[in-house]
Amino acid sequence: MSERLKSDLASLEQEIANLKDEINKLNVESRNLLKERNEISSRISEMRLEATGLKNKRESLNEDVKNLKATLMELKRDYEENLNSLKELRQKIREHLRFKPSRSRESLEKEIADLDWKIQTTPLTINEEKKIIEQVKILEEQLSFYRKLEAMKNEVSMLEGRLKEIKNKIAICRDKIVKTAEESRIFHEKMIECFKKIDELRAKMNEINGKYVKNKNEASSLRLKYIELVSRASAIRKSIKEEEERKKIEVTSALKEKIKKEALEKLKSGKKISFEEFKILAEDGII
């Protein structure tokens, strides 16, 4: 019986040791999984900040594009208004040319200058001076055609310059819109890539969480089995101890009976008994 129990105990102790090793192995794996999960969680937090920064930059650039488009529309309206003004002015010039004097501007200016000089340097009667003044007035009216034409031509040049300036601004604005929109697209793609990596990291973290929970559950189950086996081993040890104590008592009792028998035989034969033999006989009330 004792040998069988000892054999069972040895098997249990080996199983307990194996379970302990397996539990420790699972605990180490769980700690490593937890460390990896925390590292991934930190990486996700960093990438969220990066994605937020990219999103804010993209939105800022989109706002710039929106403002540039508004500026472009304003420039186009301004260009259209100035172009219409130029067309109207050119039409006015064409209509004005219908009333062009037969004489050139230089001829009119020379004659007016000559008449002014004559008034200043030649003694004239009132009637003669009056006639010259009337003549100058007529010439001035003809000269006003050229002055008005010059003013309109100056305005044409000004409008043409303005249109060229606006056209350049439109080209610059369009170029800025293209470049800013392209920059926004790049930031958008980086943001999408960032969110994609975050999703991949989340999937990895979920996988690790699954392994971690599985390890924890397995370790918990093994601990329950470990406790059960330790309890069984304790019970077997107790049984072995009790059996060994019982056998010891049996051996002691048998030895005591043997000594008692030998002591009684000595007494019958008149021989002396030892103190131990005397003590045993006294304990049984024989002497």
Protein backbone atom coordinates (compact mmCIF):
# COMPACT_ATOMS: atom_id res chain seq x y z
CA MET A 1 0.00 0.00 0.00
CA SER A 2 2.73 2.50 1.01
CA GLU A 3 4.80 1.82 -2.11
CA ARG A 4 1.78 2.40 -4.35
CA LEU A 5 1.03 5.69 -2.56
CA LYS A 6 4.65 6.78 -2.90
CA SER A 7 4.54 5.93 -6.60
CA ASP A 8 1.31 7.94 -6.96
CA LEU A 9 2.90 10.82 -5.02
CA ALA A 10 5.98 10.81 -7.26
CA SER A 11 3.76 10.94 -10.35
CA LEU A 12 1.72 13.77 -8.84
CA GLU A 13 4.84 15.75 -7.85
CA GLN A 14 6.17 15.40 -11.41
CA GLU A 15 2.82 16.54 -12.81
CA ILE A 16 2.77 19.44 -10.33
CA ALA A 17 6.30 20.47 -11.39
CA ASN A 18 5.29 20.27 -15.06
CA LEU A 19 2.17 22.35 -14.37
CA LYS A 20 4.24 24.92 -12.47
CA ASP A 21 6.66 25.21 -15.41
CA GLU A 22 3.74 25.57 -17.84
CA ILE A 23 2.06 28.23 -15.67
CA ASN A 24 5.33 30.16 -15.39
CA LYS A 25 5.79 29.90 -19.16
CA LEU A 26 2.25 31.26 -19.72
CA ASN A 27 2.89 34.09 -17.24
CA VAL A 28 6.09 35.07 -19.06
CA GLU A 29 4.24 35.00 -22.39
CA SER A 30 1.42 37.11 -20.89
CA ARG A 31 3.92 39.70 -19.61
CA ASN A 32 5.56 39.86 -23.06
CA LEU A 33 2.15 40.17 -24.74
CA LEU A 34 1.17 42.93 -22.31
CA LYS A 35 4.43 44.77 -23.01
CA GLU A 36 3.91 44.45 -26.78
CA ARG A 37 0.29 45.60 -26.44
CA ASN A 38 1.34 48.67 -24.45
CA GLU A 39 4.01 49.51 -27.04
CA ILE A 40 1.43 49.25 -29.84
CA SER A 41 -1.01 51.38 -27.82
CA SER A 42 1.66 54.08 -27.42
CA ARG A 43 2.41 53.88 -31.16
CA ILE A 44 -1.31 54.27 -31.94
CA SER A 45 -1.47 57.37 -29.71
CA GLU A 46 1.55 58.85 -31.50
CA MET A 47 0.04 58.12 -34.92
CA ARG A 48 -3.30 59.62 -33.88
CA LEU A 49 -1.48 62.86 -33.04
CA GLU A 50 0.35 62.66 -36.38
CA ALA A 51 -2.93 62.01 -38.23
CA THR A 52 -4.59 64.94 -36.43
CA GLY A 53 -1.70 67.20 -37.44
CA LEU A 54 -1.95 66.05 -41.06
CA LYS A 55 -5.74 66.56 -41.02
CA ASN A 56 -5.38 70.08 -39.59
CA LYS A 57 -2.75 70.94 -42.22
CA ARG A 58 -4.97 69.54 -44.99
CA GLU A 59 -7.99 71.51 -43.74
CA SER A 60 -5.88 74.67 -43.50
CA LEU A 61 -4.72 74.17 -47.10
CA ASN A 62 -8.30 73.47 -48.21
CA GLU A 63 -9.32 76.74 -46.60
CA ASP A 64 -6.50 78.45 -48.49
CA VAL A 65 -7.78 76.90 -51.73
CA LYS A 66 -11.28 78.12 -50.90
CA ASN A 67 -10.00 81.67 -50.29
CA LEU A 68 -7.87 81.56 -53.44
CA LYS A 69 -10.89 80.46 -55.50
CA ALA A 70 -12.90 83.35 -54.04
CA THR A 71 -10.03 85.70 -54.96
CA LEU A 72 -9.93 84.17 -58.45
CA MET A 73 -13.66 84.75 -58.93
CA GLU A 74 -13.23 88.36 -57.82
CA LEU A 75 -10.33 88.81 -60.24
CA LYS A 76 -12.39 87.31 -63.06
CA ARG A 77 -15.26 89.70 -62.28
CA ASP A 78 -12.80 92.58 -62.17
CA TYR A 79 -11.29 91.45 -65.48
CA GLU A 80 -14.73 91.15 -67.08
CA GLU A 81 -15.75 94.61 -65.86
CA ASN A 82 -12.54 96.21 -67.16
CA LEU A 83 -12.82 94.31 -70.44
CA ASN A 84 -16.38 95.56 -70.90
CA SER A 85 -15.22 99.09 -70.10
CA LEU A 86 -12.45 98.74 -72.69
CA LYS A 87 -14.92 97.49 -75.30
CA GLU A 88 -17.27 100.36 -74.55
CA LEU A 89 -14.42 102.87 -74.73
CA ARG A 90 -13.18 101.49 -78.05
CA GLN A 91 -16.72 101.79 -79.39
CA LYS A 92 -16.82 105.38 -78.18
CA ILE A 93 -13.51 106.05 -79.96
CA ARG A 94 -14.87 104.57 -83.17
CA GLU A 95 -17.96 106.78 -82.86
CA HIS A 96 -15.80 109.80 -81.94
CA LEU A 97 -13.62 109.32 -85.04
CA ARG A 98 -16.67 109.90 -87.19
CA PHE A 99 -16.40 113.57 -86.18
CA LYS A 100 -12.69 113.93 -86.90
CA PRO A 101 -11.79 117.44 -88.20
CA SER A 102 -10.32 117.77 -91.68
CA ARG A 103 -7.26 119.51 -90.26
CA SER A 104 -4.56 117.85 -88.19
CA ARG A 105 -3.96 118.61 -84.54
CA GLU A 106 -0.60 120.18 -85.27
CA SER A 107 -2.16 122.52 -87.87
CA LEU A 108 -4.88 123.64 -85.46
CA GLU A 109 -2.44 124.18 -82.59
CA LYS A 110 -0.11 126.20 -84.86
CA GLU A 111 -2.89 128.44 -86.12
CA ILE A 112 -4.23 129.03 -82.58
CA ALA A 113 -0.70 129.92 -81.42
CA ASP A 114 -0.25 132.31 -84.38
CA LEU A 115 -3.56 134.01 -83.63
CA ASP A 116 -2.71 134.35 -79.94
CA TRP A 117 0.58 135.90 -80.90
CA LYS A 118 -1.10 138.29 -83.28
CA ILE A 119 -3.49 139.44 -80.55
CA GLN A 120 -0.56 140.05 -78.25
CA THR A 121 1.75 141.81 -80.70
CA THR A 122 -0.42 143.53 -83.31
CA PRO A 123 -2.54 146.67 -82.72
CA LEU A 124 -6.08 145.63 -83.54
CA THR A 125 -9.42 147.27 -83.51
CA ILE A 126 -12.09 145.85 -81.26
CA ASN A 127 -13.89 144.25 -84.20
CA GLU A 128 -10.69 142.73 -85.55
CA GLU A 129 -9.80 141.31 -82.12
CA LYS A 130 -13.34 140.01 -81.70
CA LYS A 131 -13.15 138.24 -85.06
CA ILE A 132 -9.83 136.62 -84.13
CA ILE A 133 -11.22 135.45 -80.75
CA GLU A 134 -14.24 133.88 -82.52
CA GLN A 135 -11.86 132.23 -84.94
CA VAL A 136 -9.76 130.85 -82.04
CA LYS A 137 -12.92 129.56 -80.39
CA ILE A 138 -13.87 127.62 -83.55
CA LEU A 139 -10.36 126.22 -83.78
CA GLU A 140 -10.41 125.23 -80.07
CA GLU A 141 -13.64 123.33 -80.61
CA GLN A 142 -11.97 121.38 -83.42
CA LEU A 143 -8.87 120.84 -81.28
CA SER A 144 -11.02 119.49 -78.40
CA PHE A 145 -11.72 116.45 -80.64
CA TYR A 146 -8.02 115.51 -80.47
CA ARG A 147 -7.81 116.27 -76.76
CA LYS A 148 -10.83 114.03 -76.03
CA LEU A 149 -9.43 111.35 -78.36
CA GLU A 150 -6.10 111.51 -76.53
CA ALA A 151 -7.85 111.22 -73.14
CA MET A 152 -9.80 108.17 -74.36
CA LYS A 153 -6.64 106.60 -75.79
CA ASN A 154 -4.87 107.19 -72.46
CA GLU A 155 -7.79 105.52 -70.72
CA VAL A 156 -7.54 102.60 -73.19
CA SER A 157 -3.85 102.21 -72.33
CA MET A 158 -4.70 102.36 -68.65
CA LEU A 159 -7.43 99.70 -69.04
CA GLU A 160 -5.16 97.50 -71.15
CA GLY A 161 -2.48 97.76 -68.46
CA ARG A 162 -5.07 96.99 -65.82
CA LEU A 163 -6.29 93.95 -67.78
CA LYS A 164 -2.73 92.70 -68.19
CA GLU A 165 -2.12 93.13 -64.48
CA ILE A 166 -5.34 91.28 -63.60
CA LYS A 167 -4.52 88.55 -66.11
CA ASN A 168 -1.14 88.05 -64.44
CA LYS A 169 -2.81 87.93 -61.03
CA ILE A 170 -5.30 85.37 -62.35
CA ALA A 171 -2.45 83.20 -63.66
CA ILE A 172 -0.61 83.48 -60.33
CA CYS A 173 -3.81 82.71 -58.42
CA ARG A 174 -4.54 79.66 -60.57
CA ASP A 175 -0.99 78.45 -60.10
CA LYS A 176 -1.33 78.85 -56.33
CA ILE A 177 -4.64 76.96 -56.37
CA VAL A 178 -3.07 74.05 -58.27
CA LYS A 179 -0.01 73.93 -56.01
CA THR A 180 -2.02 74.30 -52.79
CA ALA A 181 -4.57 71.69 -53.88
CA GLU A 182 -1.72 69.32 -54.74
CA GLU A 183 -0.12 69.94 -51.35
CA SER A 184 -3.50 69.32 -49.70
CA ARG A 185 -3.83 66.05 -51.66
CA ILE A 186 -0.42 64.91 -50.45
CA PHE A 187 -1.33 65.64 -46.82
CA HIS A 188 -4.67 63.86 -47.35
CA GLU A 189 -2.91 60.76 -48.69
CA LYS A 190 -0.46 60.83 -45.77
CA MET A 191 -3.39 61.14 -43.36
CA ILE A 192 -5.20 58.19 -45.01
CA GLU A 193 -2.00 56.13 -44.86
CA CYS A 194 -1.63 57.07 -41.19
CA PHE A 195 -5.20 55.96 -40.39
CA LYS A 196 -4.59 52.75 -42.36
CA LYS A 197 -1.53 52.00 -40.22
CA ILE A 198 -3.58 52.79 -37.09
CA ASP A 199 -6.20 50.25 -38.22
CA GLU A 200 -3.45 47.68 -38.81
CA LEU A 201 -2.00 48.36 -35.35
CA ARG A 202 -5.48 48.08 -33.79
CA ALA A 203 -5.97 44.70 -35.51
CA LYS A 204 -2.57 43.60 -34.20
CA MET A 205 -3.46 44.82 -30.71
CA ASN A 206 -6.80 42.96 -30.83
CA GLU A 207 -4.92 39.82 -31.85
CA ILE A 208 -2.53 40.28 -28.92
CA ASN A 209 -5.47 40.92 -26.57
CA GLY A 210 -7.01 37.65 -27.75
CA LYS A 211 -3.78 35.76 -27.06
CA TYR A 212 -3.39 37.52 -23.71
CA VAL A 213 -6.92 36.59 -22.58
CA LYS A 214 -6.43 33.03 -23.83
CA ASN A 215 -3.14 32.76 -21.90
CA LYS A 216 -4.73 34.19 -18.76
CA ASN A 217 -7.67 31.79 -18.96
CA GLU A 218 -5.37 28.83 -19.63
CA ALA A 219 -3.09 29.84 -16.75
CA SER A 220 -6.12 30.23 -14.46
CA SER A 221 -7.37 26.77 -15.46
CA LEU A 222 -3.92 25.29 -14.88
CA ARG A 223 -3.69 26.99 -11.47
CA LEU A 224 -6.97 25.36 -10.43
CA LYS A 225 -5.61 22.00 -11.56
CA TYR A 226 -2.33 22.79 -9.76
CA ILE A 227 -4.20 23.52 -6.53
CA GLU A 228 -6.17 20.30 -6.93
CA LEU A 229 -3.02 18.24 -7.50
CA VAL A 230 -1.21 19.90 -4.57
CA SER A 231 -4.23 19.04 -2.39
CA ARG A 232 -4.19 15.45 -3.62
CA ALA A 233 -0.44 15.22 -3.00
CA SER A 234 -0.93 16.57 0.53
CA ALA A 235 -3.62 13.95 1.15
CA ILE A 236 -1.33 11.17 -0.12
CA ARG A 237 1.53 12.44 2.03
CA LYS A 238 -0.82 12.36 5.00
CA SER A 239 -1.91 8.80 4.15
CA ILE A 240 1.72 7.69 3.77
CA LYS A 241 2.60 9.29 7.08
CA GLU A 242 -0.36 7.66 8.80
CA GLU A 243 0.50 4.26 7.31
CA GLU A 244 4.15 4.62 8.31
CA GLU A 245 3.11 5.59 11.83
CA ARG A 246 0.72 2.59 11.97
CA LYS A 247 3.45 0.25 10.80
CA LYS A 248 5.82 1.75 13.32
CA ILE A 249 3.27 1.12 16.07
CA GLU A 250 2.78 -2.46 14.84
CA VAL A 251 6.52 -3.06 14.80
CA THR A 252 6.91 -1.50 18.24
CA SER A 253 4.00 -3.58 19.58
CA ALA A 254 5.40 -6.79 18.13
CA LEU A 255 8.80 -6.00 19.57
CA LYS A 256 7.21 -5.24 22.94
CA GLU A 257 5.36 -8.60 22.88
CA LYS A 258 8.55 -10.38 22.03
CA ILE A 259 10.42 -8.69 24.87
CA LYS A 260 7.52 -9.41 27.27
CA LYS A 261 7.51 -13.09 26.27
CA GLU A 262 11.26 -13.39 26.71
CA ALA A 263 11.04 -11.61 30.07
CA LEU A 264 8.33 -14.01 31.31
CA GLU A 265 10.39 -16.99 30.25
CA LYS A 266 13.36 -15.56 32.16
CA LEU A 267 11.24 -15.10 35.27
CA LYS A 268 9.97 -18.67 35.06
CA SER A 269 13.50 -19.94 34.77
CA GLY A 270 14.64 -17.69 37.65
CA LYS A 271 16.80 -15.53 35.49
CA LYS A 272 17.26 -11.78 35.95
CA ILE A 273 15.42 -9.41 33.57
CA SER A 274 16.63 -6.07 32.24
CA PHE A 275 15.21 -2.70 33.24
CA GLU A 276 13.53 -2.39 29.87
CA GLU A 277 11.94 -5.83 30.32
CA PHE A 278 10.87 -4.92 33.84
CA LYS A 279 9.34 -1.67 32.57
CA ILE A 280 7.33 -3.47 29.86
CA LEU A 281 6.01 -6.05 32.36
CA ALA A 282 5.15 -3.28 34.79
CA GLU A 283 3.29 -1.30 32.13
CA ASP A 284 1.11 -4.37 31.42
CA GLY A 285 0.57 -4.93 35.22
CA ILE A 286 2.24 -8.31 35.18
CA ILE A 287 4.60 -7.43 38.03
